[in-house]
Amino acid sequence: MLELSIETKEDWWEVEALFDHCFAPGREALSSYRLRDDVPPIAELCLVVRDDFNVIGGAVRFWPVTVGGKDTLLLGPIAVHPTRQGEGLGGFLMRESLRHATDLGWTRVMLVGDASYYNRFGFTKLEEVIMPPPTNPDRVLGKELEKGAWENVKGTVEKKNS
């Protein structure tokens, strides 16, 4: 049995260890991390999946950013422990977290990732959205949580000021 819950302060080290294990060394040097510096994640959208042994098998976090001055969600990181991959946890986390984001009134979400994977969740390339360098523009993807939410939204992705 899997349990989905909001990440707590007590989960932080275990989630960070999962991200370290799943991503290449130096992950925090990526431009998306500059958008997260000194900005708290959106707590109610940071989710973990635990198994019967209370071990985290997957986690996702979201951050507030702006694109052309408009509030936008930045999804990531999202990870599933290698021993749990192939069980559908990544898809489950993606669908549930996006459902929660919609329920909370968010209208658009973006991420930096492989279109070949994220297309299945409705993400497409954002042609006129610019991530800080060095980001491959082909990896800047977005999804509307409300119809028309990306229409006329363009420009540079910037850190959300509190």
N, C-alpha and C. Protein backbone atom coordinates (compact mmCIF):
# COMPACT_ATOMS: atom_id res chain seq x y z
N MET A 1 0.84 -1.19 0.00
CA MET A 1 0.00 0.00 0.00
C MET A 1 0.88 1.24 0.00
N LEU A 2 0.57 2.18 -0.87
CA LEU A 2 1.32 3.42 -0.94
C LEU A 2 0.53 4.54 -0.30
N GLU A 3 1.24 5.46 0.36
CA GLU A 3 0.60 6.59 1.00
C GLU A 3 1.17 7.89 0.45
N LEU A 4 0.29 8.72 -0.08
CA LEU A 4 0.67 10.04 -0.60
C LEU A 4 0.42 11.05 0.50
N SER A 5 1.42 11.89 0.77
CA SER A 5 1.25 12.93 1.79
C SER A 5 2.08 14.15 1.43
N ILE A 6 1.77 15.24 2.12
CA ILE A 6 2.54 16.46 1.95
C ILE A 6 3.87 16.29 2.68
N GLU A 7 4.94 16.72 2.02
CA GLU A 7 6.27 16.64 2.62
C GLU A 7 6.31 17.48 3.90
N THR A 8 6.93 16.92 4.95
CA THR A 8 7.08 17.64 6.21
C THR A 8 8.54 18.03 6.41
N LYS A 9 8.79 18.86 7.41
CA LYS A 9 10.17 19.24 7.74
C LYS A 9 11.01 17.99 8.03
N GLU A 10 10.39 17.03 8.67
CA GLU A 10 11.09 15.79 9.03
C GLU A 10 11.47 14.97 7.80
N ASP A 11 10.78 15.16 6.70
CA ASP A 11 11.05 14.43 5.46
C ASP A 11 12.21 15.03 4.67
N TRP A 12 12.59 16.27 4.99
CA TRP A 12 13.51 17.03 4.14
C TRP A 12 14.77 16.27 3.79
N TRP A 13 15.48 15.71 4.77
CA TRP A 13 16.74 15.02 4.49
C TRP A 13 16.55 13.79 3.63
N GLU A 14 15.48 13.05 3.88
CA GLU A 14 15.21 11.85 3.08
C GLU A 14 14.88 12.22 1.64
N VAL A 15 14.13 13.29 1.45
CA VAL A 15 13.80 13.74 0.10
C VAL A 15 15.05 14.25 -0.61
N GLU A 16 15.87 15.03 0.08
CA GLU A 16 17.12 15.52 -0.51
C GLU A 16 18.04 14.36 -0.90
N ALA A 17 18.10 13.34 -0.05
CA ALA A 17 18.91 12.15 -0.37
C ALA A 17 18.37 11.44 -1.61
N LEU A 18 17.05 11.39 -1.75
CA LEU A 18 16.45 10.79 -2.94
C LEU A 18 16.84 11.58 -4.18
N PHE A 19 16.72 12.91 -4.12
CA PHE A 19 17.08 13.73 -5.27
C PHE A 19 18.57 13.59 -5.60
N ASP A 20 19.42 13.56 -4.58
CA ASP A 20 20.85 13.38 -4.81
C ASP A 20 21.13 12.04 -5.49
N HIS A 21 20.40 11.02 -5.07
CA HIS A 21 20.60 9.67 -5.62
C HIS A 21 20.12 9.58 -7.07
N CYS A 22 19.05 10.28 -7.39
CA CYS A 22 18.43 10.17 -8.71
C CYS A 22 19.02 11.09 -9.77
N PHE A 23 19.65 12.18 -9.34
CA PHE A 23 20.16 13.15 -10.30
C PHE A 23 21.67 13.23 -10.24
N ALA A 24 22.22 13.73 -11.33
CA ALA A 24 23.68 13.84 -11.45
C ALA A 24 24.24 14.77 -10.38
N PRO A 25 25.49 14.54 -10.00
CA PRO A 25 26.14 15.47 -9.08
C PRO A 25 26.11 16.88 -9.68
N GLY A 26 25.97 17.85 -8.81
CA GLY A 26 25.93 19.22 -9.29
C GLY A 26 24.55 19.68 -9.72
N ARG A 27 23.52 18.90 -9.38
CA ARG A 27 22.16 19.26 -9.79
C ARG A 27 21.78 20.67 -9.34
N GLU A 28 22.31 21.10 -8.22
CA GLU A 28 21.96 22.41 -7.69
C GLU A 28 22.64 23.55 -8.44
N ALA A 29 23.50 23.23 -9.40
CA ALA A 29 24.13 24.27 -10.23
C ALA A 29 23.25 24.64 -11.43
N LEU A 30 22.18 23.90 -11.65
CA LEU A 30 21.29 24.17 -12.79
C LEU A 30 20.56 25.50 -12.61
N SER A 31 20.22 26.12 -13.72
CA SER A 31 19.56 27.43 -13.68
C SER A 31 18.23 27.39 -12.93
N SER A 32 17.53 26.27 -12.98
CA SER A 32 16.25 26.20 -12.27
C SER A 32 16.45 26.36 -10.77
N TYR A 33 17.62 25.96 -10.27
CA TYR A 33 17.88 26.13 -8.84
C TYR A 33 18.10 27.58 -8.47
N ARG A 34 18.56 28.41 -9.40
CA ARG A 34 18.72 29.85 -9.10
C ARG A 34 17.35 30.48 -8.87
N LEU A 35 16.33 29.94 -9.52
CA LEU A 35 14.98 30.44 -9.33
C LEU A 35 14.41 30.02 -7.98
N ARG A 36 15.03 29.05 -7.35
CA ARG A 36 14.57 28.52 -6.07
C ARG A 36 15.35 29.08 -4.88
N ASP A 37 16.50 29.68 -5.16
CA ASP A 37 17.34 30.22 -4.08
C ASP A 37 16.54 31.19 -3.21
N ASP A 38 16.55 30.95 -1.92
CA ASP A 38 15.91 31.84 -0.93
C ASP A 38 14.41 32.01 -1.14
N VAL A 39 13.80 31.08 -1.85
CA VAL A 39 12.35 31.09 -2.07
C VAL A 39 11.82 29.76 -1.54
N PRO A 40 10.89 29.78 -0.61
CA PRO A 40 10.35 28.51 -0.12
C PRO A 40 9.49 27.83 -1.18
N PRO A 41 9.52 26.50 -1.21
CA PRO A 41 8.62 25.80 -2.13
C PRO A 41 7.17 26.00 -1.69
N ILE A 42 6.26 25.65 -2.57
CA ILE A 42 4.84 25.72 -2.23
C ILE A 42 4.51 24.45 -1.44
N ALA A 43 4.49 24.60 -0.13
CA ALA A 43 4.45 23.46 0.79
C ALA A 43 3.34 22.47 0.48
N GLU A 44 2.14 22.98 0.20
CA GLU A 44 1.01 22.06 0.00
C GLU A 44 1.08 21.29 -1.32
N LEU A 45 2.08 21.62 -2.17
CA LEU A 45 2.28 20.89 -3.42
C LEU A 45 3.53 20.02 -3.41
N CYS A 46 4.26 20.03 -2.31
CA CYS A 46 5.45 19.17 -2.18
C CYS A 46 4.98 17.85 -1.58
N LEU A 47 4.98 16.82 -2.41
CA LEU A 47 4.39 15.55 -2.03
C LEU A 47 5.42 14.43 -1.99
N VAL A 48 5.16 13.47 -1.11
CA VAL A 48 5.99 12.26 -1.04
C VAL A 48 5.07 11.04 -1.08
N VAL A 49 5.62 9.95 -1.60
CA VAL A 49 4.93 8.67 -1.61
C VAL A 49 5.75 7.73 -0.74
N ARG A 50 5.11 7.16 0.27
CA ARG A 50 5.78 6.22 1.18
C ARG A 50 5.17 4.83 1.00
N ASP A 51 6.02 3.82 1.23
CA ASP A 51 5.55 2.44 1.14
C ASP A 51 5.16 1.91 2.52
N ASP A 52 4.86 0.63 2.58
CA ASP A 52 4.44 0.00 3.84
C ASP A 52 5.51 0.06 4.93
N PHE A 53 6.76 0.25 4.54
CA PHE A 53 7.87 0.33 5.50
C PHE A 53 8.20 1.78 5.85
N ASN A 54 7.34 2.70 5.41
CA ASN A 54 7.49 4.14 5.67
C ASN A 54 8.70 4.75 4.97
N VAL A 55 9.14 4.13 3.87
CA VAL A 55 10.27 4.61 3.09
C VAL A 55 9.73 5.43 1.92
N ILE A 56 10.35 6.58 1.69
CA ILE A 56 9.94 7.41 0.56
C ILE A 56 10.39 6.77 -0.75
N GLY A 57 9.43 6.51 -1.62
CA GLY A 57 9.74 5.94 -2.93
C GLY A 57 9.76 6.98 -4.03
N GLY A 58 9.15 8.14 -3.77
CA GLY A 58 9.13 9.21 -4.75
C GLY A 58 8.74 10.52 -4.10
N ALA A 59 9.12 11.62 -4.78
CA ALA A 59 8.83 12.94 -4.24
C ALA A 59 8.75 13.96 -5.38
N VAL A 60 8.00 15.02 -5.15
CA VAL A 60 7.89 16.12 -6.11
C VAL A 60 7.80 17.42 -5.31
N ARG A 61 8.38 18.46 -5.89
CA ARG A 61 8.29 19.80 -5.30
C ARG A 61 7.88 20.80 -6.38
N PHE A 62 7.25 21.89 -5.95
CA PHE A 62 6.84 22.98 -6.83
C PHE A 62 7.30 24.30 -6.22
N TRP A 63 7.60 25.26 -7.10
CA TRP A 63 8.09 26.58 -6.68
C TRP A 63 7.34 27.66 -7.42
N PRO A 64 7.16 28.82 -6.78
CA PRO A 64 6.53 29.94 -7.48
C PRO A 64 7.55 30.70 -8.31
N VAL A 65 7.19 30.99 -9.55
CA VAL A 65 8.00 31.84 -10.42
C VAL A 65 7.04 32.76 -11.16
N THR A 66 7.60 33.68 -11.94
CA THR A 66 6.78 34.48 -12.83
C THR A 66 7.32 34.34 -14.25
N VAL A 67 6.42 34.42 -15.19
CA VAL A 67 6.77 34.46 -16.61
C VAL A 67 6.05 35.68 -17.17
N GLY A 68 6.83 36.64 -17.64
CA GLY A 68 6.22 37.88 -18.13
C GLY A 68 5.37 38.55 -17.06
N GLY A 69 5.79 38.40 -15.80
CA GLY A 69 5.06 39.00 -14.68
C GLY A 69 3.86 38.22 -14.21
N LYS A 70 3.57 37.09 -14.82
CA LYS A 70 2.40 36.28 -14.44
C LYS A 70 2.83 35.10 -13.58
N ASP A 71 2.09 34.89 -12.48
CA ASP A 71 2.39 33.78 -11.57
C ASP A 71 2.30 32.44 -12.29
N THR A 72 3.32 31.63 -12.04
CA THR A 72 3.44 30.33 -12.70
C THR A 72 4.06 29.36 -11.72
N LEU A 73 3.69 28.10 -11.84
CA LEU A 73 4.31 27.04 -11.05
C LEU A 73 5.51 26.49 -11.79
N LEU A 74 6.60 26.28 -11.07
CA LEU A 74 7.76 25.57 -11.60
C LEU A 74 7.80 24.22 -10.93
N LEU A 75 7.59 23.18 -11.71
CA LEU A 75 7.58 21.81 -11.19
C LEU A 75 9.00 21.28 -11.18
N GLY A 76 9.39 20.71 -10.07
CA GLY A 76 10.67 20.04 -10.01
C GLY A 76 11.45 20.40 -8.76
N PRO A 77 12.26 19.49 -8.38
CA PRO A 77 12.44 18.18 -8.99
C PRO A 77 11.30 17.21 -8.68
N ILE A 78 11.23 16.19 -9.51
CA ILE A 78 10.35 15.05 -9.28
C ILE A 78 11.23 13.82 -9.49
N ALA A 79 11.14 12.88 -8.56
CA ALA A 79 12.01 11.71 -8.65
C ALA A 79 11.35 10.49 -8.02
N VAL A 80 11.73 9.34 -8.54
CA VAL A 80 11.32 8.04 -8.00
C VAL A 80 12.60 7.25 -7.75
N HIS A 81 12.67 6.65 -6.58
CA HIS A 81 13.86 5.85 -6.25
C HIS A 81 14.04 4.75 -7.30
N PRO A 82 15.29 4.50 -7.73
CA PRO A 82 15.53 3.50 -8.78
C PRO A 82 14.93 2.13 -8.48
N THR A 83 14.84 1.74 -7.22
CA THR A 83 14.26 0.43 -6.89
C THR A 83 12.75 0.41 -7.04
N ARG A 84 12.13 1.59 -7.22
CA ARG A 84 10.68 1.68 -7.36
C ARG A 84 10.25 2.10 -8.77
N GLN A 85 11.22 2.33 -9.65
CA GLN A 85 10.89 2.76 -11.00
C GLN A 85 10.20 1.62 -11.76
N GLY A 86 9.31 2.00 -12.66
CA GLY A 86 8.55 1.02 -13.43
C GLY A 86 7.26 0.61 -12.76
N GLU A 87 6.98 1.18 -11.58
CA GLU A 87 5.75 0.85 -10.85
C GLU A 87 4.66 1.89 -11.05
N GLY A 88 4.95 2.94 -11.81
CA GLY A 88 3.96 3.98 -12.04
C GLY A 88 3.96 5.09 -11.01
N LEU A 89 4.95 5.11 -10.11
CA LEU A 89 4.98 6.14 -9.07
C LEU A 89 5.18 7.54 -9.65
N GLY A 90 6.02 7.67 -10.67
CA GLY A 90 6.25 8.97 -11.27
C GLY A 90 4.98 9.54 -11.87
N GLY A 91 4.25 8.72 -12.61
CA GLY A 91 2.98 9.15 -13.19
C GLY A 91 1.96 9.49 -12.12
N PHE A 92 1.92 8.68 -11.08
CA PHE A 92 1.01 8.92 -9.97
C PHE A 92 1.32 10.27 -9.31
N LEU A 93 2.60 10.51 -9.01
CA LEU A 93 3.00 11.78 -8.40
C LEU A 93 2.66 12.96 -9.31
N MET A 94 2.92 12.80 -10.60
CA MET A 94 2.64 13.88 -11.55
C MET A 94 1.15 14.19 -11.59
N ARG A 95 0.33 13.18 -11.79
CA ARG A 95 -1.11 13.40 -11.90
C ARG A 95 -1.70 13.98 -10.61
N GLU A 96 -1.31 13.42 -9.47
CA GLU A 96 -1.86 13.88 -8.20
C GLU A 96 -1.41 15.30 -7.86
N SER A 97 -0.14 15.59 -8.12
CA SER A 97 0.36 16.93 -7.80
C SER A 97 -0.29 17.98 -8.71
N LEU A 98 -0.50 17.66 -9.97
CA LEU A 98 -1.16 18.60 -10.87
C LEU A 98 -2.64 18.78 -10.50
N ARG A 99 -3.26 17.71 -10.03
CA ARG A 99 -4.65 17.81 -9.57
C ARG A 99 -4.72 18.73 -8.35
N HIS A 100 -3.78 18.56 -7.41
CA HIS A 100 -3.73 19.43 -6.23
C HIS A 100 -3.50 20.88 -6.64
N ALA A 101 -2.59 21.10 -7.59
CA ALA A 101 -2.30 22.47 -8.05
C ALA A 101 -3.55 23.11 -8.64
N THR A 102 -4.29 22.35 -9.43
CA THR A 102 -5.54 22.86 -10.01
C THR A 102 -6.54 23.19 -8.91
N ASP A 103 -6.67 22.29 -7.94
CA ASP A 103 -7.59 22.52 -6.82
C ASP A 103 -7.24 23.77 -6.04
N LEU A 104 -5.95 24.11 -6.00
CA LEU A 104 -5.49 25.30 -5.27
C LEU A 104 -5.59 26.58 -6.10
N GLY A 105 -6.07 26.44 -7.34
CA GLY A 105 -6.30 27.61 -8.17
C GLY A 105 -5.17 28.00 -9.11
N TRP A 106 -4.13 27.19 -9.19
CA TRP A 106 -3.06 27.48 -10.14
C TRP A 106 -3.57 27.20 -11.55
N THR A 107 -3.12 28.00 -12.52
CA THR A 107 -3.64 27.85 -13.88
C THR A 107 -2.61 27.36 -14.87
N ARG A 108 -1.31 27.53 -14.55
CA ARG A 108 -0.26 27.09 -15.49
C ARG A 108 0.92 26.55 -14.70
N VAL A 109 1.61 25.61 -15.36
CA VAL A 109 2.79 24.99 -14.74
C VAL A 109 3.84 24.80 -15.83
N MET A 110 5.09 24.88 -15.42
CA MET A 110 6.19 24.66 -16.35
C MET A 110 7.24 23.80 -15.67
N LEU A 111 8.12 23.25 -16.50
CA LEU A 111 9.24 22.47 -16.01
C LEU A 111 10.34 22.47 -17.06
N VAL A 112 11.50 21.99 -16.67
CA VAL A 112 12.59 21.77 -17.61
C VAL A 112 12.81 20.27 -17.64
N GLY A 113 12.59 19.66 -18.81
CA GLY A 113 12.72 18.21 -18.90
C GLY A 113 12.60 17.71 -20.33
N ASP A 114 12.57 16.41 -20.47
CA ASP A 114 12.50 15.76 -21.77
C ASP A 114 11.06 15.70 -22.27
N ALA A 115 10.81 16.34 -23.40
CA ALA A 115 9.47 16.36 -23.97
C ALA A 115 8.96 14.95 -24.23
N SER A 116 9.85 14.05 -24.64
CA SER A 116 9.41 12.68 -24.96
C SER A 116 8.78 11.99 -23.74
N TYR A 117 9.17 12.37 -22.54
CA TYR A 117 8.56 11.81 -21.33
C TYR A 117 7.35 12.62 -20.89
N TYR A 118 7.50 13.94 -20.81
CA TYR A 118 6.47 14.78 -20.22
C TYR A 118 5.28 15.06 -21.13
N ASN A 119 5.41 14.80 -22.44
CA ASN A 119 4.26 14.97 -23.35
C ASN A 119 3.08 14.13 -22.90
N ARG A 120 3.33 12.97 -22.34
CA ARG A 120 2.23 12.08 -21.94
C ARG A 120 1.36 12.68 -20.84
N PHE A 121 1.89 13.71 -20.16
CA PHE A 121 1.13 14.39 -19.12
C PHE A 121 0.57 15.72 -19.61
N GLY A 122 0.68 15.98 -20.91
CA GLY A 122 0.13 17.18 -21.50
C GLY A 122 1.08 18.36 -21.58
N PHE A 123 2.35 18.15 -21.30
CA PHE A 123 3.34 19.23 -21.40
C PHE A 123 3.82 19.36 -22.84
N THR A 124 3.97 20.61 -23.28
CA THR A 124 4.47 20.91 -24.62
C THR A 124 5.54 22.00 -24.51
N LYS A 125 6.30 22.13 -25.58
CA LYS A 125 7.37 23.13 -25.60
C LYS A 125 6.77 24.53 -25.52
N LEU A 126 7.38 25.36 -24.67
CA LEU A 126 6.98 26.76 -24.54
C LEU A 126 7.89 27.58 -25.43
N GLU A 127 7.39 27.99 -26.56
CA GLU A 127 8.20 28.66 -27.58
C GLU A 127 8.71 30.03 -27.14
N GLU A 128 7.91 30.76 -26.39
CA GLU A 128 8.28 32.14 -26.07
C GLU A 128 8.58 32.36 -24.59
N VAL A 129 8.95 31.28 -23.90
CA VAL A 129 9.33 31.36 -22.50
C VAL A 129 10.82 31.07 -22.40
N ILE A 130 11.53 31.95 -21.75
CA ILE A 130 12.99 31.86 -21.71
C ILE A 130 13.46 31.59 -20.28
N MET A 131 14.10 30.44 -20.10
CA MET A 131 14.73 30.11 -18.82
C MET A 131 16.10 30.76 -18.78
N PRO A 132 16.56 31.12 -17.59
CA PRO A 132 17.93 31.64 -17.49
C PRO A 132 18.93 30.61 -18.03
N PRO A 133 20.02 31.09 -18.64
CA PRO A 133 21.01 30.15 -19.18
C PRO A 133 21.77 29.46 -18.05
N PRO A 134 22.34 28.33 -18.30
CA PRO A 134 22.35 27.61 -19.57
C PRO A 134 21.25 26.55 -19.61
N THR A 135 20.14 26.85 -20.22
CA THR A 135 19.03 25.91 -20.35
C THR A 135 18.73 25.71 -21.82
N ASN A 136 18.65 24.46 -22.24
CA ASN A 136 18.27 24.13 -23.61
C ASN A 136 16.81 24.53 -23.81
N PRO A 137 16.51 25.44 -24.73
CA PRO A 137 15.12 25.89 -24.93
C PRO A 137 14.15 24.77 -25.31
N ASP A 138 14.65 23.68 -25.89
CA ASP A 138 13.79 22.56 -26.25
C ASP A 138 13.27 21.82 -25.02
N ARG A 139 13.88 22.06 -23.86
CA ARG A 139 13.49 21.38 -22.62
C ARG A 139 12.57 22.22 -21.75
N VAL A 140 12.21 23.42 -22.20
CA VAL A 140 11.32 24.29 -21.43
C VAL A 140 9.89 23.95 -21.85
N LEU A 141 9.16 23.31 -20.95
CA LEU A 141 7.84 22.75 -21.24
C LEU A 141 6.78 23.34 -20.32
N GLY A 142 5.56 23.41 -20.82
CA GLY A 142 4.47 23.92 -20.00
C GLY A 142 3.18 23.15 -20.21
N LYS A 143 2.28 23.34 -19.27
CA LYS A 143 0.97 22.71 -19.33
C LYS A 143 -0.05 23.69 -18.77
N GLU A 144 -1.18 23.78 -19.44
CA GLU A 144 -2.29 24.58 -18.94
C GLU A 144 -3.10 23.75 -17.96
N LEU A 145 -3.34 24.30 -16.78
CA LEU A 145 -4.23 23.66 -15.82
C LEU A 145 -5.64 24.23 -15.97
N GLU A 146 -5.71 25.34 -16.69
CA GLU A 146 -6.97 25.98 -17.06
C GLU A 146 -6.85 26.38 -18.53
N LYS A 147 -7.85 26.10 -19.30
CA LYS A 147 -7.80 26.39 -20.74
C LYS A 147 -7.41 27.84 -20.99
N GLY A 148 -6.43 28.03 -21.86
CA GLY A 148 -5.98 29.35 -22.25
C GLY A 148 -4.97 29.99 -21.32
N ALA A 149 -4.54 29.28 -20.29
CA ALA A 149 -3.66 29.86 -19.27
C ALA A 149 -2.28 30.28 -19.80
N TRP A 150 -1.81 29.66 -20.89
CA TRP A 150 -0.51 30.05 -21.46
C TRP A 150 -0.65 31.04 -22.61
N GLU A 151 -1.88 31.38 -23.01
CA GLU A 151 -2.07 32.33 -24.11
C GLU A 151 -1.50 33.69 -23.73
N ASN A 152 -0.66 34.24 -24.60
CA ASN A 152 -0.05 35.56 -24.41
C ASN A 152 0.86 35.64 -23.18
N VAL A 153 1.29 34.51 -22.66
CA VAL A 153 2.25 34.50 -21.56
C VAL A 153 3.60 34.17 -22.17
N LYS A 154 4.51 35.15 -22.11
CA LYS A 154 5.81 34.94 -22.70
C LYS A 154 6.82 35.83 -21.97
N GLY A 155 8.08 35.50 -22.18
CA GLY A 155 9.14 36.28 -21.56
C GLY A 155 10.05 35.40 -20.71
N THR A 156 10.84 36.06 -19.91
CA THR A 156 11.84 35.37 -19.09
C THR A 156 11.21 34.86 -17.80
N VAL A 157 11.62 33.66 -17.42
CA VAL A 157 11.20 33.09 -16.14
C VAL A 157 12.03 33.76 -15.05
N GLU A 158 11.34 34.28 -14.05
CA GLU A 158 12.03 34.99 -12.98
C GLU A 158 11.60 34.45 -11.63
N LYS A 159 12.48 34.64 -10.67
CA LYS A 159 12.21 34.25 -9.29
C LYS A 159 11.02 35.04 -8.79
N LYS A 160 10.14 34.37 -8.07
CA LYS A 160 8.97 35.02 -7.49
C LYS A 160 9.41 35.75 -6.22
N ASN A 161 9.21 37.04 -6.21
CA ASN A 161 9.54 37.82 -5.02
C ASN A 161 8.38 37.73 -4.04
N SER A 162 8.72 37.49 -2.80
CA SER A 162 7.68 37.33 -1.77
C SER A 162 6.96 38.62 -1.49
